[in-house]
Every structure is written in C-alpha cells, then in structure tokens.
Amino acid sequence: MEIFDIQIMLKDGSLAPYQVQNERGSDLYKVFEQEKHVATFAASRDGSWNLNENPENINEDLEHRLINQLNGLRY
C-alpha cells in the first residue's frame, strides 16, 4: 500500500491536509481526512478521474481540487 500526504487549498485560501492510499497496480485512490474516508477516485486510462465513492458527500469544488492533486500522484 502506498500512502501520500497532500494539502488541498480550499476556496477561502486555507490548506487542508488529506491522505491518499493506493494499492500498487490499482486504479483506485482512496482519500482520507483525519482518518475518515471521504472519497474514492478511479483513474482512467485516458488521464481522467471518476469519483467512485463519496461517503462524506464532498462537493464538486472539493472534488476538482482533489483531482488536481491526484494528477501529481499518477504514474
């Protein structure tokens, strides 16, 4: 399991820490905020991301901000 710590700049300019977990070779990236699973994204072969699970009902703005950070984690 690979674990990445990321910071997301929120609309108000503050930074929020998140953790991303990914099994090597898997296209699923699980996002956690303070150990709470907030979302799972699936990486597509065309470079796009799909919100696969949204247990904390993140809004579209946060979804896009997370995707921007996930782009840097992709191999």
N, C-alpha and C. Protein backbone atom coordinates (compact mmCIF):
# COMPACT_ATOMS: atom_id res chain seq x y z
N MET A 1 0.85 -1.17 0.00
CA MET A 1 0.00 0.00 0.00
C MET A 1 0.89 1.23 0.00
N GLU A 2 0.57 2.15 -0.88
CA GLU A 2 1.27 3.42 -0.93
C GLU A 2 0.40 4.48 -0.26
N ILE A 3 1.02 5.34 0.54
CA ILE A 3 0.30 6.38 1.26
C ILE A 3 0.96 7.71 0.95
N PHE A 4 0.14 8.68 0.56
CA PHE A 4 0.63 10.00 0.21
C PHE A 4 -0.09 11.04 1.06
N ASP A 5 0.64 11.98 1.60
CA ASP A 5 0.05 13.11 2.30
C ASP A 5 -0.02 14.27 1.32
N ILE A 6 -1.20 14.88 1.19
CA ILE A 6 -1.37 16.01 0.29
C ILE A 6 -2.03 17.16 1.05
N GLN A 7 -1.89 18.34 0.52
CA GLN A 7 -2.54 19.54 1.05
C GLN A 7 -3.44 20.10 -0.03
N ILE A 8 -4.66 20.42 0.32
CA ILE A 8 -5.61 20.99 -0.62
C ILE A 8 -5.88 22.43 -0.21
N MET A 9 -5.71 23.36 -1.17
CA MET A 9 -6.07 24.74 -0.89
C MET A 9 -7.57 24.88 -1.10
N LEU A 10 -8.24 25.32 -0.05
CA LEU A 10 -9.69 25.49 -0.09
C LEU A 10 -10.04 26.86 -0.65
N LYS A 11 -11.33 27.07 -0.92
CA LYS A 11 -11.80 28.32 -1.51
C LYS A 11 -11.38 29.54 -0.70
N ASP A 12 -11.35 29.40 0.62
CA ASP A 12 -11.01 30.54 1.47
C ASP A 12 -9.50 30.78 1.57
N GLY A 13 -8.71 29.97 0.88
CA GLY A 13 -7.26 30.14 0.87
C GLY A 13 -6.53 29.32 1.92
N SER A 14 -7.27 28.67 2.81
CA SER A 14 -6.63 27.84 3.83
C SER A 14 -6.23 26.49 3.24
N LEU A 15 -5.31 25.82 3.90
CA LEU A 15 -4.87 24.50 3.46
C LEU A 15 -5.46 23.42 4.36
N ALA A 16 -5.87 22.32 3.75
CA ALA A 16 -6.43 21.20 4.50
C ALA A 16 -5.62 19.95 4.18
N PRO A 17 -5.18 19.22 5.21
CA PRO A 17 -4.40 18.00 4.97
C PRO A 17 -5.31 16.81 4.64
N TYR A 18 -4.89 16.04 3.68
CA TYR A 18 -5.58 14.81 3.30
C TYR A 18 -4.53 13.72 3.11
N GLN A 19 -4.98 12.49 3.14
CA GLN A 19 -4.11 11.36 2.89
C GLN A 19 -4.72 10.53 1.77
N VAL A 20 -3.89 10.08 0.86
CA VAL A 20 -4.34 9.25 -0.26
C VAL A 20 -3.69 7.88 -0.13
N GLN A 21 -4.51 6.84 -0.25
CA GLN A 21 -4.00 5.47 -0.19
C GLN A 21 -4.30 4.77 -1.51
N ASN A 22 -3.29 4.03 -1.98
CA ASN A 22 -3.42 3.33 -3.25
C ASN A 22 -2.65 2.02 -3.16
N GLU A 23 -3.29 0.95 -3.57
CA GLU A 23 -2.60 -0.34 -3.69
C GLU A 23 -1.80 -0.30 -4.99
N ARG A 24 -0.55 -0.68 -4.92
CA ARG A 24 0.29 -0.66 -6.12
C ARG A 24 -0.39 -1.46 -7.24
N GLY A 25 -0.50 -0.85 -8.41
CA GLY A 25 -1.12 -1.50 -9.55
C GLY A 25 -2.63 -1.30 -9.64
N SER A 26 -3.22 -0.70 -8.62
CA SER A 26 -4.67 -0.45 -8.62
C SER A 26 -4.96 0.93 -9.19
N ASP A 27 -6.12 1.07 -9.82
CA ASP A 27 -6.55 2.36 -10.34
C ASP A 27 -7.42 3.12 -9.34
N LEU A 28 -7.59 2.57 -8.14
CA LEU A 28 -8.42 3.22 -7.12
C LEU A 28 -7.54 3.96 -6.11
N TYR A 29 -7.92 5.20 -5.85
CA TYR A 29 -7.21 6.06 -4.91
C TYR A 29 -8.21 6.49 -3.84
N LYS A 30 -7.98 6.05 -2.61
CA LYS A 30 -8.88 6.39 -1.50
C LYS A 30 -8.34 7.62 -0.79
N VAL A 31 -9.23 8.60 -0.55
CA VAL A 31 -8.85 9.85 0.08
C VAL A 31 -9.43 9.89 1.49
N PHE A 32 -8.58 10.27 2.45
CA PHE A 32 -8.97 10.34 3.86
C PHE A 32 -8.69 11.73 4.40
N GLU A 33 -9.56 12.18 5.30
CA GLU A 33 -9.34 13.41 6.05
C GLU A 33 -9.40 13.03 7.52
N GLN A 34 -8.29 13.17 8.21
CA GLN A 34 -8.19 12.78 9.62
C GLN A 34 -8.73 11.36 9.84
N GLU A 35 -8.24 10.44 9.05
CA GLU A 35 -8.56 9.01 9.12
C GLU A 35 -10.00 8.67 8.74
N LYS A 36 -10.76 9.65 8.24
CA LYS A 36 -12.13 9.40 7.79
C LYS A 36 -12.12 9.31 6.27
N HIS A 37 -12.64 8.21 5.74
CA HIS A 37 -12.71 8.01 4.29
C HIS A 37 -13.71 9.00 3.70
N VAL A 38 -13.22 9.92 2.85
CA VAL A 38 -14.11 10.93 2.28
C VAL A 38 -14.47 10.65 0.82
N ALA A 39 -13.59 9.95 0.09
CA ALA A 39 -13.88 9.70 -1.32
C ALA A 39 -12.93 8.65 -1.87
N THR A 40 -13.36 8.02 -2.94
CA THR A 40 -12.50 7.12 -3.72
C THR A 40 -12.62 7.55 -5.18
N PHE A 41 -11.45 7.71 -5.80
CA PHE A 41 -11.40 8.10 -7.21
C PHE A 41 -10.81 6.95 -8.01
N ALA A 42 -11.33 6.76 -9.21
CA ALA A 42 -10.80 5.76 -10.14
C ALA A 42 -10.08 6.48 -11.26
N ALA A 43 -8.83 6.09 -11.50
CA ALA A 43 -8.04 6.67 -12.58
C ALA A 43 -8.39 5.96 -13.88
N SER A 44 -8.68 6.74 -14.90
CA SER A 44 -9.00 6.18 -16.22
C SER A 44 -7.75 6.19 -17.09
N ARG A 45 -7.73 5.32 -18.06
CA ARG A 45 -6.57 5.23 -18.97
C ARG A 45 -6.37 6.50 -19.78
N ASP A 46 -7.43 7.27 -19.99
CA ASP A 46 -7.32 8.49 -20.79
C ASP A 46 -6.83 9.69 -19.97
N GLY A 47 -6.49 9.46 -18.70
CA GLY A 47 -5.97 10.53 -17.85
C GLY A 47 -7.01 11.23 -17.00
N SER A 48 -8.27 10.87 -17.18
CA SER A 48 -9.32 11.50 -16.39
C SER A 48 -9.55 10.72 -15.09
N TRP A 49 -10.34 11.31 -14.21
CA TRP A 49 -10.66 10.70 -12.92
C TRP A 49 -12.17 10.60 -12.77
N ASN A 50 -12.63 9.55 -12.12
CA ASN A 50 -14.05 9.38 -11.83
C ASN A 50 -14.22 9.23 -10.32
N LEU A 51 -15.16 9.97 -9.79
CA LEU A 51 -15.49 9.83 -8.37
C LEU A 51 -16.24 8.53 -8.21
N ASN A 52 -15.63 7.56 -7.55
CA ASN A 52 -16.16 6.21 -7.44
C ASN A 52 -17.03 6.05 -6.20
N GLU A 53 -16.58 6.60 -5.09
CA GLU A 53 -17.31 6.56 -3.82
C GLU A 53 -17.25 7.95 -3.20
N ASN A 54 -18.35 8.36 -2.56
CA ASN A 54 -18.41 9.68 -1.95
C ASN A 54 -19.14 9.60 -0.61
N PRO A 55 -18.58 8.86 0.37
CA PRO A 55 -19.29 8.65 1.62
C PRO A 55 -19.50 9.92 2.46
N GLU A 56 -18.69 10.95 2.25
CA GLU A 56 -18.84 12.19 3.01
C GLU A 56 -19.51 13.30 2.19
N ASN A 57 -20.04 12.93 1.03
CA ASN A 57 -20.75 13.88 0.16
C ASN A 57 -19.95 15.15 -0.10
N ILE A 58 -18.70 14.97 -0.57
CA ILE A 58 -17.90 16.13 -0.90
C ILE A 58 -18.55 16.88 -2.05
N ASN A 59 -18.37 18.20 -2.08
CA ASN A 59 -18.98 18.99 -3.15
C ASN A 59 -18.10 18.98 -4.39
N GLU A 60 -18.64 19.52 -5.47
CA GLU A 60 -17.94 19.49 -6.75
C GLU A 60 -16.63 20.28 -6.70
N ASP A 61 -16.61 21.39 -5.96
CA ASP A 61 -15.39 22.19 -5.85
C ASP A 61 -14.27 21.37 -5.21
N LEU A 62 -14.55 20.72 -4.09
CA LEU A 62 -13.54 19.91 -3.42
C LEU A 62 -13.15 18.72 -4.31
N GLU A 63 -14.09 18.15 -5.00
CA GLU A 63 -13.79 17.05 -5.92
C GLU A 63 -12.73 17.48 -6.94
N HIS A 64 -12.91 18.65 -7.54
CA HIS A 64 -11.96 19.14 -8.54
C HIS A 64 -10.61 19.48 -7.93
N ARG A 65 -10.61 20.01 -6.74
CA ARG A 65 -9.36 20.33 -6.05
C ARG A 65 -8.58 19.05 -5.72
N LEU A 66 -9.28 18.01 -5.30
CA LEU A 66 -8.63 16.73 -5.02
C LEU A 66 -8.08 16.12 -6.31
N ILE A 67 -8.84 16.18 -7.37
CA ILE A 67 -8.39 15.62 -8.66
C ILE A 67 -7.11 16.32 -9.11
N ASN A 68 -7.05 17.63 -8.95
CA ASN A 68 -5.82 18.36 -9.34
C ASN A 68 -4.61 17.83 -8.59
N GLN A 69 -4.77 17.49 -7.33
CA GLN A 69 -3.66 16.93 -6.55
C GLN A 69 -3.38 15.49 -6.95
N LEU A 70 -4.42 14.73 -7.24
CA LEU A 70 -4.23 13.33 -7.63
C LEU A 70 -3.44 13.21 -8.93
N ASN A 71 -3.58 14.18 -9.81
CA ASN A 71 -2.83 14.14 -11.08
C ASN A 71 -1.34 14.01 -10.83
N GLY A 72 -0.84 14.58 -9.75
CA GLY A 72 0.58 14.51 -9.44
C GLY A 72 1.01 13.17 -8.87
N LEU A 73 0.08 12.34 -8.47
CA LEU A 73 0.42 11.04 -7.86
C LEU A 73 0.41 9.90 -8.87
N ARG A 74 -0.14 10.16 -10.02
CA ARG A 74 -0.32 9.13 -11.03
C ARG A 74 0.99 8.80 -11.73
N TYR A 75 1.22 7.54 -12.02
CA TYR A 75 2.44 7.13 -12.70
C TYR A 75 2.25 7.13 -14.18
